[in-house]
Full PDB file with SEQRES, HELIX, SHEET, SSBOND, CRYST1, ORIGX, SCALE, CONECT and MASTER records, all heavy atoms in Angstrom:
SEQRES   1 A   38  ILE SER PRO VAL ALA ALA ALA ALA ALA HIS LYS ILE ALA          
SEQRES   2 A   38  ASP ILE LYS GLY ALA VAL GLY TYR LEU ALA PRO TRP VAL          
SEQRES   3 A   38  SER ALA GLN SER VAL ASP ASP ALA ASN ARG PRO LEU              
HELIX    1 AA1 ALA A    9  ILE A   12  1                                   4    
SHEET    1 AA1 2 ALA A   5  ALA A   6  0                                        
SHEET    2 AA1 2 TYR A  21  LEU A  22 -1                                        
CRYST1    1.000    1.000    1.000  90.00  90.00  90.00 P 1           1          
ORIGX1      1.000000  0.000000  0.000000        0.00000                         
ORIGX2      0.000000  1.000000  0.000000        0.00000                         
ORIGX3      0.000000  0.000000  1.000000        0.00000                         
SCALE1      1.000000  0.000000  0.000000        0.00000                         
SCALE2      0.000000  1.000000  0.000000        0.00000                         
SCALE3      0.000000  0.000000  1.000000        0.00000                         
ATOM      1  N   ILE A   1     130.702 141.412 109.392  1.00  0.00           N  
ATOM      2  CA  ILE A   1     129.546 140.514 109.402  1.00  0.00           C  
ATOM      3  C   ILE A   1     129.450 139.630 108.164  1.00  0.00           C  
ATOM      4  O   ILE A   1     128.587 138.768 108.082  1.00  0.00           O  
ATOM      5  CB  ILE A   1     128.232 141.325 109.575  1.00  0.00           C  
ATOM      6  CG1 ILE A   1     127.077 140.423 110.009  1.00  0.00           C  
ATOM      7  CG2 ILE A   1     127.921 142.138 108.339  1.00  0.00           C  
ATOM      8  CD1 ILE A   1     125.829 141.186 110.426  1.00  0.00           C  
ATOM      9  N   SER A   2     130.340 139.826 107.195  1.00  0.00           N  
ATOM     10  CA  SER A   2     130.315 139.074 105.937  1.00  0.00           C  
ATOM     11  C   SER A   2     129.120 139.503 105.086  1.00  0.00           C  
ATOM     12  O   SER A   2     128.298 140.307 105.521  1.00  0.00           O  
ATOM     13  CB  SER A   2     130.286 137.561 106.198  1.00  0.00           C  
ATOM     14  OG  SER A   2     131.426 137.160 106.930  1.00  0.00           O  
ATOM     15  N   PRO A   3     128.994 138.965 103.871  1.00  0.00           N  
ATOM     16  CA  PRO A   3     127.841 139.337 103.035  1.00  0.00           C  
ATOM     17  C   PRO A   3     126.519 138.989 103.717  1.00  0.00           C  
ATOM     18  O   PRO A   3     126.363 137.906 104.263  1.00  0.00           O  
ATOM     19  CB  PRO A   3     128.045 138.502 101.768  1.00  0.00           C  
ATOM     20  CG  PRO A   3     129.520 138.276 101.711  1.00  0.00           C  
ATOM     21  CD  PRO A   3     129.942 138.112 103.142  1.00  0.00           C  
ATOM     22  N   VAL A   4     125.582 139.926 103.679  1.00  0.00           N  
ATOM     23  CA  VAL A   4     124.296 139.702 104.349  1.00  0.00           C  
ATOM     24  C   VAL A   4     123.107 139.876 103.419  1.00  0.00           C  
ATOM     25  O   VAL A   4     121.988 139.486 103.761  1.00  0.00           O  
ATOM     26  CB  VAL A   4     124.127 140.655 105.554  1.00  0.00           C  
ATOM     27  CG1 VAL A   4     125.180 140.381 106.606  1.00  0.00           C  
ATOM     28  CG2 VAL A   4     124.154 142.110 105.119  1.00  0.00           C  
ATOM     29  N   ALA A   5     123.298 140.461 102.236  1.00  0.00           N  
ATOM     30  CA  ALA A   5     122.181 140.686 101.327  1.00  0.00           C  
ATOM     31  C   ALA A   5     122.669 140.590  99.885  1.00  0.00           C  
ATOM     32  O   ALA A   5     123.826 140.888  99.589  1.00  0.00           O  
ATOM     33  CB  ALA A   5     121.548 142.057 101.568  1.00  0.00           C  
ATOM     34  N   ALA A   6     121.774 140.170  98.998  1.00  0.00           N  
ATOM     35  CA  ALA A   6     122.136 140.040  97.589  1.00  0.00           C  
ATOM     36  C   ALA A   6     120.880 140.057  96.732  1.00  0.00           C  
ATOM     37  O   ALA A   6     119.774 139.772  97.210  1.00  0.00           O  
ATOM     38  CB  ALA A   6     122.920 138.745  97.345  1.00  0.00           C  
ATOM     39  N   ALA A   7     121.070 140.400  95.459  1.00  0.00           N  
ATOM     40  CA  ALA A   7     119.956 140.386  94.511  1.00  0.00           C  
ATOM     41  C   ALA A   7     120.515 140.490  93.095  1.00  0.00           C  
ATOM     42  O   ALA A   7     121.609 141.022  92.879  1.00  0.00           O  
ATOM     43  CB  ALA A   7     118.983 141.534  94.773  1.00  0.00           C  
ATOM     44  N   ALA A   8     119.753 139.977  92.149  1.00  0.00           N  
ATOM     45  CA  ALA A   8     120.092 140.206  90.745  1.00  0.00           C  
ATOM     46  C   ALA A   8     119.992 141.703  90.471  1.00  0.00           C  
ATOM     47  O   ALA A   8     118.994 142.336  90.818  1.00  0.00           O  
ATOM     48  CB  ALA A   8     119.142 139.423  89.853  1.00  0.00           C  
ATOM     49  N   ALA A   9     121.032 142.258  89.880  1.00  0.00           N  
ATOM     50  CA  ALA A   9     121.096 143.710  89.714  1.00  0.00           C  
ATOM     51  C   ALA A   9     119.909 144.263  88.941  1.00  0.00           C  
ATOM     52  O   ALA A   9     119.395 145.336  89.271  1.00  0.00           O  
ATOM     53  CB  ALA A   9     122.404 144.092  89.018  1.00  0.00           C  
ATOM     54  N   HIS A  10     119.444 143.547  87.928  1.00  0.00           N  
ATOM     55  CA  HIS A  10     118.335 144.081  87.133  1.00  0.00           C  
ATOM     56  C   HIS A  10     117.027 144.109  87.916  1.00  0.00           C  
ATOM     57  O   HIS A  10     116.121 144.875  87.595  1.00  0.00           O  
ATOM     58  CB  HIS A  10     118.164 143.270  85.843  1.00  0.00           C  
ATOM     59  CG  HIS A  10     117.615 141.886  86.043  1.00  0.00           C  
ATOM     60  ND1 HIS A  10     118.412 140.817  86.399  1.00  0.00           N  
ATOM     61  CD2 HIS A  10     116.349 141.405  85.944  1.00  0.00           C  
ATOM     62  CE1 HIS A  10     117.663 139.735  86.509  1.00  0.00           C  
ATOM     63  NE2 HIS A  10     116.412 140.053  86.239  1.00  0.00           N  
ATOM     64  N   LYS A  11     116.923 143.289  88.977  1.00  0.00           N  
ATOM     65  CA  LYS A  11     115.705 143.234  89.776  1.00  0.00           C  
ATOM     66  C   LYS A  11     115.561 144.459  90.686  1.00  0.00           C  
ATOM     67  O   LYS A  11     114.442 144.833  91.055  1.00  0.00           O  
ATOM     68  CB  LYS A  11     115.685 141.972  90.630  1.00  0.00           C  
ATOM     69  CG  LYS A  11     115.512 140.679  89.851  1.00  0.00           C  
ATOM     70  CD  LYS A  11     114.084 140.517  89.370  1.00  0.00           C  
ATOM     71  CE  LYS A  11     113.855 139.141  88.781  1.00  0.00           C  
ATOM     72  NZ  LYS A  11     112.450 138.973  88.300  1.00  0.00           N  
ATOM     73  N   ILE A  12     116.674 145.050  91.072  1.00  0.00           N  
ATOM     74  CA  ILE A  12     116.618 146.172  92.017  1.00  0.00           C  
ATOM     75  C   ILE A  12     117.104 147.485  91.408  1.00  0.00           C  
ATOM     76  O   ILE A  12     117.210 148.490  92.100  1.00  0.00           O  
ATOM     77  CB  ILE A  12     117.438 145.867  93.289  1.00  0.00           C  
ATOM     78  CG1 ILE A  12     118.916 145.623  92.945  1.00  0.00           C  
ATOM     79  CG2 ILE A  12     116.864 144.659  94.023  1.00  0.00           C  
ATOM     80  CD1 ILE A  12     119.796 145.447  94.169  1.00  0.00           C  
ATOM     81  N   ALA A  13     117.377 147.491  90.109  1.00  0.00           N  
ATOM     82  CA  ALA A  13     117.952 148.670  89.464  1.00  0.00           C  
ATOM     83  C   ALA A  13     117.053 149.890  89.576  1.00  0.00           C  
ATOM     84  O   ALA A  13     117.534 151.031  89.646  1.00  0.00           O  
ATOM     85  CB  ALA A  13     118.253 148.379  87.991  1.00  0.00           C  
ATOM     86  N   ASP A  14     115.743 149.683  89.596  1.00  0.00           N  
ATOM     87  CA  ASP A  14     114.816 150.809  89.636  1.00  0.00           C  
ATOM     88  C   ASP A  14     114.449 151.235  91.056  1.00  0.00           C  
ATOM     89  O   ASP A  14     113.632 152.148  91.240  1.00  0.00           O  
ATOM     90  CB  ASP A  14     113.535 150.463  88.869  1.00  0.00           C  
ATOM     91  CG  ASP A  14     113.784 150.310  87.377  1.00  0.00           C  
ATOM     92  OD1 ASP A  14     114.685 150.996  86.864  1.00  0.00           O  
ATOM     93  OD2 ASP A  14     113.088 149.506  86.729  1.00  0.00           O  
ATOM     94  N   ILE A  15     115.022 150.577  92.058  1.00  0.00           N  
ATOM     95  CA  ILE A  15     114.728 150.911  93.449  1.00  0.00           C  
ATOM     96  C   ILE A  15     115.935 151.654  94.008  1.00  0.00           C  
ATOM     97  O   ILE A  15     116.985 151.064  94.269  1.00  0.00           O  
ATOM     98  CB  ILE A  15     114.435 149.651  94.281  1.00  0.00           C  
ATOM     99  CG1 ILE A  15     113.306 148.845  93.630  1.00  0.00           C  
ATOM    100  CG2 ILE A  15     114.058 150.028  95.714  1.00  0.00           C  
ATOM    101  CD1 ILE A  15     113.056 147.509  94.292  1.00  0.00           C  
ATOM    102  N   LYS A  16     115.784 152.936  94.193  1.00  0.00           N  
ATOM    103  CA  LYS A  16     116.911 153.771  94.613  1.00  0.00           C  
ATOM    104  C   LYS A  16     117.469 153.305  95.957  1.00  0.00           C  
ATOM    105  O   LYS A  16     116.743 153.179  96.934  1.00  0.00           O  
ATOM    106  CB  LYS A  16     116.449 155.221  94.720  1.00  0.00           C  
ATOM    107  CG  LYS A  16     117.555 156.204  95.031  1.00  0.00           C  
ATOM    108  CD  LYS A  16     117.019 157.622  95.062  1.00  0.00           C  
ATOM    109  CE  LYS A  16     118.104 158.626  95.394  1.00  0.00           C  
ATOM    110  NZ  LYS A  16     117.581 160.011  95.413  1.00  0.00           N  
ATOM    111  N   GLY A  17     118.760 153.037  95.988  1.00  0.00           N  
ATOM    112  CA  GLY A  17     119.428 152.650  97.224  1.00  0.00           C  
ATOM    113  C   GLY A  17     119.349 151.179  97.568  1.00  0.00           C  
ATOM    114  O   GLY A  17     119.972 150.740  98.536  1.00  0.00           O  
ATOM    115  N   ALA A  18     118.610 150.387  96.793  1.00  0.00           N  
ATOM    116  CA  ALA A  18     118.467 148.967  97.112  1.00  0.00           C  
ATOM    117  C   ALA A  18     119.793 148.237  96.925  1.00  0.00           C  
ATOM    118  O   ALA A  18     120.477 148.418  95.911  1.00  0.00           O  
ATOM    119  CB  ALA A  18     117.396 148.337  96.232  1.00  0.00           C  
ATOM    120  N   VAL A  19     120.157 147.407  97.903  1.00  0.00           N  
ATOM    121  CA  VAL A  19     121.428 146.680  97.826  1.00  0.00           C  
ATOM    122  C   VAL A  19     121.238 145.169  97.830  1.00  0.00           C  
ATOM    123  O   VAL A  19     122.190 144.427  97.593  1.00  0.00           O  
ATOM    124  CB  VAL A  19     122.380 147.075  98.976  1.00  0.00           C  
ATOM    125  CG1 VAL A  19     122.777 148.537  98.860  1.00  0.00           C  
ATOM    126  CG2 VAL A  19     121.748 146.805 100.338  1.00  0.00           C  
ATOM    127  N   GLY A  20     120.024 144.691  98.107  1.00  0.00           N  
ATOM    128  CA  GLY A  20     119.798 143.249  98.087  1.00  0.00           C  
ATOM    129  C   GLY A  20     118.811 142.809  99.155  1.00  0.00           C  
ATOM    130  O   GLY A  20     118.459 143.578 100.058  1.00  0.00           O  
ATOM    131  N   TYR A  21     118.385 141.562  99.033  1.00  0.00           N  
ATOM    132  CA  TYR A  21     117.469 140.980 100.008  1.00  0.00           C  
ATOM    133  C   TYR A  21     118.277 140.291 101.108  1.00  0.00           C  
ATOM    134  O   TYR A  21     119.249 139.582 100.830  1.00  0.00           O  
ATOM    135  CB  TYR A  21     116.542 139.976  99.326  1.00  0.00           C  
ATOM    136  CG  TYR A  21     115.576 140.626  98.367  1.00  0.00           C  
ATOM    137  CD1 TYR A  21     115.898 140.761  97.012  1.00  0.00           C  
ATOM    138  CD2 TYR A  21     114.363 141.138  98.810  1.00  0.00           C  
ATOM    139  CE1 TYR A  21     115.027 141.380  96.121  1.00  0.00           C  
ATOM    140  CE2 TYR A  21     113.479 141.754  97.929  1.00  0.00           C  
ATOM    141  CZ  TYR A  21     113.819 141.875  96.596  1.00  0.00           C  
ATOM    142  OH  TYR A  21     112.960 142.494  95.729  1.00  0.00           O  
ATOM    143  N   LEU A  22     117.870 140.495 102.338  1.00  0.00           N  
ATOM    144  CA  LEU A  22     118.600 139.949 103.480  1.00  0.00           C  
ATOM    145  C   LEU A  22     118.575 138.435 103.464  1.00  0.00           C  
ATOM    146  O   LEU A  22     117.550 137.810 103.167  1.00  0.00           O  
ATOM    147  CB  LEU A  22     117.992 140.468 104.781  1.00  0.00           C  
ATOM    148  CG  LEU A  22     118.169 141.967 105.049  1.00  0.00           C  
ATOM    149  CD1 LEU A  22     117.237 142.417 106.158  1.00  0.00           C  
ATOM    150  CD2 LEU A  22     119.618 142.275 105.405  1.00  0.00           C  
ATOM    151  N   ALA A  23     119.713 137.849 103.811  1.00  0.00           N  
ATOM    152  CA  ALA A  23     119.798 136.393 103.920  1.00  0.00           C  
ATOM    153  C   ALA A  23     118.930 135.907 105.084  1.00  0.00           C  
ATOM    154  O   ALA A  23     118.717 136.649 106.056  1.00  0.00           O  
ATOM    155  CB  ALA A  23     121.252 135.977 104.132  1.00  0.00           C  
ATOM    156  N   PRO A  24     118.423 134.669 105.037  1.00  0.00           N  
ATOM    157  CA  PRO A  24     117.518 134.165 106.085  1.00  0.00           C  
ATOM    158  C   PRO A  24     118.121 134.186 107.482  1.00  0.00           C  
ATOM    159  O   PRO A  24     117.388 134.307 108.468  1.00  0.00           O  
ATOM    160  CB  PRO A  24     117.222 132.728 105.625  1.00  0.00           C  
ATOM    161  CG  PRO A  24     117.467 132.737 104.156  1.00  0.00           C  
ATOM    162  CD  PRO A  24     118.589 133.704 103.930  1.00  0.00           C  
ATOM    163  N   TRP A  25     119.443 134.057 107.587  1.00  0.00           N  
ATOM    164  CA  TRP A  25     120.076 133.983 108.903  1.00  0.00           C  
ATOM    165  C   TRP A  25     120.431 135.356 109.480  1.00  0.00           C  
ATOM    166  O   TRP A  25     121.000 135.450 110.553  1.00  0.00           O  
ATOM    167  CB  TRP A  25     121.349 133.130 108.817  1.00  0.00           C  
ATOM    168  CG  TRP A  25     122.356 133.646 107.836  1.00  0.00           C  
ATOM    169  CD1 TRP A  25     123.317 134.603 108.031  1.00  0.00           C  
ATOM    170  CD2 TRP A  25     122.485 133.238 106.474  1.00  0.00           C  
ATOM    171  NE1 TRP A  25     124.035 134.823 106.901  1.00  0.00           N  
ATOM    172  CE2 TRP A  25     123.559 133.987 105.919  1.00  0.00           C  
ATOM    173  CE3 TRP A  25     121.830 132.307 105.664  1.00  0.00           C  
ATOM    174  CZ2 TRP A  25     123.964 133.837 104.595  1.00  0.00           C  
ATOM    175  CZ3 TRP A  25     122.242 132.159 104.353  1.00  0.00           C  
ATOM    176  CH2 TRP A  25     123.290 132.921 103.834  1.00  0.00           C  
ATOM    177  N   VAL A  26     120.079 136.420 108.771  1.00  0.00           N  
ATOM    178  CA  VAL A  26     120.420 137.773 109.209  1.00  0.00           C  
ATOM    179  C   VAL A  26     119.194 138.467 109.806  1.00  0.00           C  
ATOM    180  O   VAL A  26     118.113 138.454 109.214  1.00  0.00           O  
ATOM    181  CB  VAL A  26     120.958 138.608 108.031  1.00  0.00           C  
ATOM    182  CG1 VAL A  26     121.205 140.048 108.458  1.00  0.00           C  
ATOM    183  CG2 VAL A  26     122.245 137.994 107.488  1.00  0.00           C  
ATOM    184  N   SER A  27     119.369 139.051 110.971  1.00  0.00           N  
ATOM    185  CA  SER A  27     118.358 139.936 111.558  1.00  0.00           C  
ATOM    186  C   SER A  27     118.820 141.365 111.343  1.00  0.00           C  
ATOM    187  O   SER A  27     119.982 141.688 111.594  1.00  0.00           O  
ATOM    188  CB  SER A  27     118.200 139.667 113.060  1.00  0.00           C  
ATOM    189  OG  SER A  27     117.719 138.367 113.293  1.00  0.00           O  
ATOM    190  N   ALA A  28     117.930 142.211 110.877  1.00  0.00           N  
ATOM    191  CA  ALA A  28     118.301 143.606 110.618  1.00  0.00           C  
ATOM    192  C   ALA A  28     117.115 144.507 110.928  1.00  0.00           C  
ATOM    193  O   ALA A  28     115.955 144.110 110.777  1.00  0.00           O  
ATOM    194  CB  ALA A  28     118.744 143.786 109.174  1.00  0.00           C  
ATOM    195  N   GLN A  29     117.420 145.716 111.362  1.00  0.00           N  
ATOM    196  CA  GLN A  29     116.400 146.697 111.711  1.00  0.00           C  
ATOM    197  C   GLN A  29     116.889 148.092 111.347  1.00  0.00           C  
ATOM    198  O   GLN A  29     118.097 148.344 111.292  1.00  0.00           O  
ATOM    199  CB  GLN A  29     116.105 146.668 113.219  1.00  0.00           C  
ATOM    200  CG  GLN A  29     115.538 145.381 113.754  1.00  0.00           C  
ATOM    201  CD  GLN A  29     115.385 145.405 115.267  1.00  0.00           C  
ATOM    202  OE1 GLN A  29     116.059 146.166 115.966  1.00  0.00           O  
ATOM    203  NE2 GLN A  29     114.493 144.565 115.781  1.00  0.00           N  
ATOM    204  N   SER A  30     115.942 148.998 111.118  1.00  0.00           N  
ATOM    205  CA  SER A  30     116.258 150.421 111.111  1.00  0.00           C  
ATOM    206  C   SER A  30     115.743 150.968 112.437  1.00  0.00           C  
ATOM    207  O   SER A  30     114.642 150.607 112.876  1.00  0.00           O  
ATOM    208  CB  SER A  30     115.592 151.133 109.931  1.00  0.00           C  
ATOM    209  OG  SER A  30     114.183 151.050 110.010  1.00  0.00           O  
ATOM    210  N   VAL A  31     116.549 151.792 113.085  1.00  0.00           N  
ATOM    211  CA  VAL A  31     116.194 152.291 114.413  1.00  0.00           C  
ATOM    212  C   VAL A  31     116.346 153.803 114.456  1.00  0.00           C  
ATOM    213  O   VAL A  31     117.059 154.401 113.638  1.00  0.00           O  
ATOM    214  CB  VAL A  31     117.069 151.646 115.515  1.00  0.00           C  
ATOM    215  CG1 VAL A  31     116.869 150.124 115.531  1.00  0.00           C  
ATOM    216  CG2 VAL A  31     118.544 151.984 115.312  1.00  0.00           C  
ATOM    217  N   ASP A  32     115.679 154.425 115.441  1.00  0.00           N  
ATOM    218  CA  ASP A  32     115.801 155.872 115.599  1.00  0.00           C  
ATOM    219  C   ASP A  32     117.027 156.200 116.454  1.00  0.00           C  
ATOM    220  O   ASP A  32     117.819 155.306 116.802  1.00  0.00           O  
ATOM    221  CB  ASP A  32     114.520 156.469 116.192  1.00  0.00           C  
ATOM    222  CG  ASP A  32     114.191 155.925 117.589  1.00  0.00           C  
ATOM    223  OD1 ASP A  32     115.101 155.354 118.245  1.00  0.00           O  
ATOM    224  OD2 ASP A  32     113.044 156.080 118.025  1.00  0.00           O  
ATOM    225  N   ASP A  33     117.183 157.470 116.810  1.00  0.00           N  
ATOM    226  CA  ASP A  33     118.367 157.889 117.566  1.00  0.00           C  
ATOM    227  C   ASP A  33     118.436 157.274 118.957  1.00  0.00           C  
ATOM    228  O   ASP A  33     119.508 157.228 119.572  1.00  0.00           O  
ATOM    229  CB  ASP A  33     118.403 159.414 117.677  1.00  0.00           C  
ATOM    230  CG  ASP A  33     118.673 160.092 116.337  1.00  0.00           C  
ATOM    231  OD1 ASP A  33     119.204 159.412 115.444  1.00  0.00           O  
ATOM    232  OD2 ASP A  33     118.343 161.286 116.194  1.00  0.00           O  
ATOM    233  N   ALA A  34     117.287 156.797 119.458  1.00  0.00           N  
ATOM    234  CA  ALA A  34     117.254 156.134 120.770  1.00  0.00           C  
ATOM    235  C   ALA A  34     117.324 154.621 120.628  1.00  0.00           C  
ATOM    236  O   ALA A  34     117.069 153.896 121.594  1.00  0.00           O  
ATOM    237  CB  ALA A  34     115.987 156.529 121.518  1.00  0.00           C  
ATOM    238  N   ASN A  35     117.665 154.143 119.423  1.00  0.00           N  
ATOM    239  CA  ASN A  35     117.781 152.715 119.133  1.00  0.00           C  
ATOM    240  C   ASN A  35     116.457 151.958 119.258  1.00  0.00           C  
ATOM    241  O   ASN A  35     116.432 150.763 119.526  1.00  0.00           O  
ATOM    242  CB  ASN A  35     118.842 152.050 120.016  1.00  0.00           C  
ATOM    243  CG  ASN A  35     120.249 152.465 119.635  1.00  0.00           C  
ATOM    244  OD1 ASN A  35     120.510 152.811 118.477  1.00  0.00           O  
ATOM    245  ND2 ASN A  35     121.159 152.468 120.593  1.00  0.00           N  
ATOM    246  N   ARG A  36     115.356 152.661 119.027  1.00  0.00           N  
ATOM    247  CA  ARG A  36     114.051 152.011 119.007  1.00  0.00           C  
ATOM    248  C   ARG A  36     113.745 151.570 117.580  1.00  0.00           C  
ATOM    249  O   ARG A  36     113.861 152.369 116.637  1.00  0.00           O  
ATOM    250  CB  ARG A  36     112.971 152.970 119.513  1.00  0.00           C  
ATOM    251  CG  ARG A  36     113.096 153.314 120.989  1.00  0.00           C  
ATOM    252  CD  ARG A  36     112.112 154.374 121.407  1.00  0.00           C  
ATOM    253  NE  ARG A  36     112.354 155.624 120.697  1.00  0.00           N  
ATOM    254  CZ  ARG A  36     112.021 156.826 121.157  1.00  0.00           C  
ATOM    255  NH1 ARG A  36     111.437 156.953 122.331  1.00  0.00           N  
ATOM    256  NH2 ARG A  36     112.265 157.913 120.443  1.00  0.00           N  
ATOM    257  N   PRO A  37     113.355 150.304 117.394  1.00  0.00           N  
ATOM    258  CA  PRO A  37     113.077 149.793 116.043  1.00  0.00           C  
ATOM    259  C   PRO A  37     111.957 150.567 115.353  1.00  0.00           C  
ATOM    260  O   PRO A  37     110.963 150.933 115.971  1.00  0.00           O  
ATOM    261  CB  PRO A  37     112.655 148.339 116.304  1.00  0.00           C  
ATOM    262  CG  PRO A  37     113.264 147.992 117.619  1.00  0.00           C  
ATOM    263  CD  PRO A  37     113.229 149.258 118.423  1.00  0.00           C  
ATOM    264  N   LEU A  38     112.154 150.802 114.063  1.00  0.00           N  
ATOM    265  CA  LEU A  38     111.159 151.472 113.240  1.00  0.00           C  
ATOM    266  C   LEU A  38     110.447 150.439 112.370  1.00  0.00           C  
ATOM    267  O   LEU A  38     110.945 149.338 112.159  1.00  0.00           O  
ATOM    268  CB  LEU A  38     111.827 152.536 112.365  1.00  0.00           C  
ATOM    269  CG  LEU A  38     112.593 153.624 113.116  1.00  0.00           C  
ATOM    270  CD1 LEU A  38     113.369 154.502 112.140  1.00  0.00           C  
ATOM    271  CD2 LEU A  38     111.629 154.481 113.940  1.00  0.00           C  
TER     272      LEU A  38                                                      
MASTER        0    0    0    1    2    0    0    6  271    1    0    3          
END                                                                             
């Protein structure tokens, strides 16, 4: 899918697991085991 999220490292350093802010053209969701959006 190519790069989809980015952030200045110092901005997210204190947020455990943070990898970046999603680009405007990317749709993303977290879903349960039945693929229902959370």
